[in-house]
């Protein structure tokens, strides 16, 4: 799986939402599945996680999720790309 997004803040949040901390971005987002997202946000942005997440426009998050794509053959029974695109659609619908 890859994310083709130049907006690193939106890409980080999109991957955190999509993978619930079990996915990372090499060199930009560590795995945060053990509940370290609040500490990471504080160290990275000087804000708590909620403040940082709320600072990113929903349309930016949706665009990042829409940029998720498979690289090569899918290796999971879960269709992560389909999930990402579905999340993006839901975000756009709620944002109006």
Protein backbone atom coordinates (compact mmCIF):
# COMPACT_ATOMS: atom_id res chain seq x y z
CA UNK A 1 0.00 0.00 0.00
CA UNK A 2 1.14 3.52 -0.69
CA UNK A 3 -0.18 7.02 -0.19
CA UNK A 4 0.52 9.58 -2.91
CA UNK A 5 -0.03 12.82 -1.04
CA UNK A 6 2.19 15.90 -0.84
CA UNK A 7 0.26 17.17 2.19
CA UNK A 8 2.21 15.37 4.92
CA UNK A 9 -0.01 16.47 7.81
CA UNK A 10 -3.13 15.16 6.05
CA UNK A 11 -1.30 11.99 4.99
CA UNK A 12 -0.19 11.30 8.56
CA UNK A 13 -3.68 11.77 9.96
CA UNK A 14 -5.26 9.74 7.15
CA UNK A 15 -2.93 6.81 7.82
CA UNK A 16 -3.55 7.03 11.57
CA UNK A 17 -7.30 6.94 10.96
CA UNK A 18 -7.09 4.17 8.38
CA UNK A 19 -4.76 1.89 10.31
CA UNK A 20 -5.68 2.87 13.87
CA UNK A 21 -1.97 3.25 14.55
CA UNK A 22 -0.94 -0.08 12.99
CA UNK A 23 0.32 1.58 9.76
CA UNK A 24 3.12 4.08 9.45
CA UNK A 25 4.81 6.22 6.83
CA UNK A 26 8.48 5.46 6.45
CA UNK A 27 10.50 8.34 7.85
CA UNK A 28 7.38 10.39 8.66
CA UNK A 29 5.02 8.45 10.93
CA UNK A 30 5.99 5.65 13.30
CA UNK A 31 3.63 2.85 14.27
CA UNK A 32 1.51 4.20 17.10
CA UNK A 33 -0.70 1.21 17.88
CA UNK A 34 0.26 1.12 21.53
CA UNK A 35 -1.46 4.43 22.25
CA UNK A 36 1.48 6.77 21.73
CA UNK A 37 -0.32 9.09 19.29
CA UNK A 38 -0.83 11.79 21.94
CA UNK A 39 2.85 11.79 22.87
CA UNK A 40 3.88 11.71 19.20
CA UNK A 41 1.62 14.68 18.33
CA UNK A 42 2.98 16.65 21.30
CA UNK A 43 6.60 15.94 20.33
CA UNK A 44 6.03 16.52 16.60
CA UNK A 45 3.62 19.48 16.60
CA UNK A 46 3.69 20.86 20.14
CA UNK A 47 -0.07 20.18 20.38
CA UNK A 48 -2.14 17.42 21.86
CA UNK A 49 -3.48 14.91 19.35
CA UNK A 50 -7.00 16.36 19.22
CA UNK A 51 -5.75 19.93 18.65
CA UNK A 52 -3.47 18.73 15.86
CA UNK A 53 -6.16 16.58 14.22
CA UNK A 54 -8.72 19.41 14.40
CA UNK A 55 -6.26 21.75 12.66
CA UNK A 56 -6.41 19.69 9.45
CA UNK A 57 -9.34 20.44 7.15
CA UNK A 58 -11.58 17.45 6.44
CA UNK A 59 -11.21 17.90 2.68
CA UNK A 60 -7.44 17.54 3.01
CA UNK A 61 -7.90 14.29 4.95
CA UNK A 62 -10.35 12.99 2.32
CA UNK A 63 -7.90 13.82 -0.48
CA UNK A 64 -5.14 11.95 1.35
CA UNK A 65 -7.36 8.90 1.82
CA UNK A 66 -8.30 9.00 -1.87
CA UNK A 67 -4.61 8.84 -2.76
CA UNK A 68 -4.13 5.47 -1.03
CA UNK A 69 -3.32 2.81 -3.64
CA UNK A 70 -2.06 -0.74 -3.89
CA UNK A 71 1.50 -1.37 -4.97
CA UNK A 72 1.74 -4.77 -6.56
CA UNK A 73 -0.47 -7.62 -5.46
CA UNK A 74 -2.79 -7.20 -2.51
CA UNK A 75 -1.48 -9.22 0.44
CA UNK A 76 -4.41 -8.88 2.82
CA UNK A 77 -7.96 -10.15 2.84
CA UNK A 78 -8.93 -6.65 3.93
CA UNK A 79 -9.21 -4.30 0.98
CA UNK A 80 -7.41 -1.37 2.58
CA UNK A 81 -7.65 0.79 -0.53
CA UNK A 82 -11.40 0.28 -0.68
CA UNK A 83 -11.66 1.13 3.02
CA UNK A 84 -9.61 4.31 2.52
CA UNK A 85 -11.70 5.44 -0.41
CA UNK A 86 -14.92 4.67 1.48
CA UNK A 87 -13.69 6.74 4.44
CA UNK A 88 -12.88 9.60 2.06
CA UNK A 89 -16.37 9.42 0.58
CA UNK A 90 -17.94 9.51 4.05
CA UNK A 91 -15.80 12.47 5.11
CA UNK A 92 -16.71 14.42 1.97
CA UNK A 93 -20.41 13.63 2.42
CA UNK A 94 -20.37 14.83 6.05
CA UNK A 95 -18.31 17.93 5.19
CA UNK A 96 -20.86 18.92 2.57
